[in-house]
Amino acid sequence: MKQWLPTDNRIIPTVLGILGALSGLILFGANFEGIVKGMFSGLASVGLHQAFHQFIKVDTYGEMTDEEAYAAIEENEELADEVAEFMEDDDDE
């Protein structure tokens, strides 16, 4: 969406929520439950996208080579291991 339309990041969740609601309306019929399911699907896509980008620490432009992405993932795994070891040591005390 950011590549095709000059838009602000703040409206992306709203647009995806509306598109999700319309998709739910088409897929599940004209009922409240279908619209809500579609809306949550659209909003969840934004949340998962942001969680993934936060996890691999993508820069603001979203441009990483494959090697940089794999290195970031490995770095986060090492950090998770260190935290787990610290928590185990803390539990022992």
Protein backbone atom coordinates (compact mmCIF):
# COMPACT_ATOMS: atom_id res chain seq x y z
CA MET A 1 0.00 0.00 0.00
CA LYS A 2 2.84 2.37 0.83
CA GLN A 3 4.47 1.62 -2.52
CA TRP A 4 1.39 2.39 -4.64
CA LEU A 5 -0.35 5.18 -2.74
CA PRO A 6 1.08 8.18 -0.93
CA THR A 7 -0.32 7.35 2.47
CA ASP A 8 0.38 7.73 6.14
CA ASN A 9 1.20 4.59 8.15
CA ARG A 10 -1.58 5.37 10.62
CA ILE A 11 -4.36 4.56 8.14
CA ILE A 12 -3.02 1.15 7.09
CA PRO A 13 -4.67 -0.78 10.00
CA THR A 14 -7.97 0.99 9.30
CA VAL A 15 -7.85 0.18 5.60
CA LEU A 16 -6.96 -3.46 6.26
CA GLY A 17 -9.70 -3.71 8.88
CA ILE A 18 -12.25 -2.43 6.37
CA LEU A 19 -10.94 -4.70 3.60
CA GLY A 20 -11.05 -7.63 6.02
CA ALA A 21 -14.64 -6.80 6.98
CA LEU A 22 -15.61 -6.68 3.30
CA SER A 23 -13.86 -10.00 2.70
CA GLY A 24 -15.70 -11.52 5.65
CA LEU A 25 -18.95 -10.19 4.27
CA ILE A 26 -18.25 -11.86 0.92
CA LEU A 27 -16.96 -15.14 2.35
CA PHE A 28 -19.31 -15.66 5.29
CA GLY A 29 -22.39 -13.81 4.13
CA ALA A 30 -24.18 -10.77 5.46
CA ASN A 31 -23.94 -11.46 9.17
CA PHE A 32 -22.21 -9.78 12.07
CA GLU A 33 -19.95 -12.72 12.88
CA GLY A 34 -18.53 -12.90 9.35
CA ILE A 35 -17.81 -9.18 9.28
CA VAL A 36 -16.07 -9.30 12.68
CA LYS A 37 -14.00 -12.35 11.68
CA GLY A 38 -12.88 -10.61 8.51
CA MET A 39 -12.05 -7.41 10.36
CA PHE A 40 -9.95 -9.24 12.93
CA SER A 41 -8.14 -11.08 10.14
CA GLY A 42 -7.22 -7.79 8.50
CA LEU A 43 -6.05 -6.26 11.77
CA ALA A 44 -4.15 -9.40 12.75
CA SER A 45 -2.19 -9.22 9.51
CA VAL A 46 -0.88 -5.79 10.54
CA GLY A 47 0.07 -7.06 14.00
CA LEU A 48 1.88 -10.12 12.69
CA HIS A 49 3.70 -8.05 10.09
CA GLN A 50 4.93 -5.63 12.74
CA ALA A 51 5.86 -8.40 15.16
CA PHE A 52 7.99 -10.07 12.50
CA HIS A 53 9.70 -6.81 11.59
CA GLN A 54 10.39 -6.04 15.25
CA PHE A 55 11.78 -9.55 15.72
CA ILE A 56 14.32 -9.30 12.91
CA LYS A 57 14.97 -5.58 13.52
CA VAL A 58 14.27 -4.37 10.00
CA ASP A 59 15.46 -0.84 9.37
CA THR A 60 12.96 1.92 8.64
CA TYR A 61 13.23 1.38 4.90
CA GLY A 62 12.66 -2.37 5.11
CA GLU A 63 15.72 -3.12 3.01
CA MET A 64 17.81 -6.02 4.30
CA THR A 65 19.82 -8.57 2.45
CA ASP A 66 19.15 -12.23 3.15
CA GLU A 67 22.45 -12.46 5.01
CA GLU A 68 21.51 -9.53 7.26
CA ALA A 69 18.09 -11.06 7.97
CA TYR A 70 19.59 -14.44 8.90
CA ALA A 71 22.20 -12.73 11.09
CA ALA A 72 19.46 -10.77 12.89
CA ILE A 73 17.47 -13.94 13.49
CA GLU A 74 20.54 -15.74 14.86
CA GLU A 75 21.30 -12.75 17.10
CA ASN A 76 17.78 -12.84 18.53
CA GLU A 77 18.04 -16.60 19.13
CA GLU A 78 21.31 -16.09 21.01
CA LEU A 79 19.71 -13.36 23.10
CA ALA A 80 16.74 -15.64 23.86
CA ASP A 81 19.16 -18.36 25.00
CA GLU A 82 20.97 -15.88 27.27
CA VAL A 83 17.68 -14.74 28.81
CA ALA A 84 16.61 -18.34 29.38
CA GLU A 85 19.91 -19.10 31.13
CA PHE A 86 19.56 -15.98 33.27
CA MET A 87 16.03 -16.95 34.24
CA GLU A 88 17.17 -20.46 35.19
CA ASP A 89 19.97 -19.00 37.33
CA ASP A 90 17.49 -16.61 38.97
CA ASP A 91 15.10 -19.48 39.77
CA ASP A 92 17.86 -21.43 41.48
CA GLU A 93 18.43 -18.68 44.07
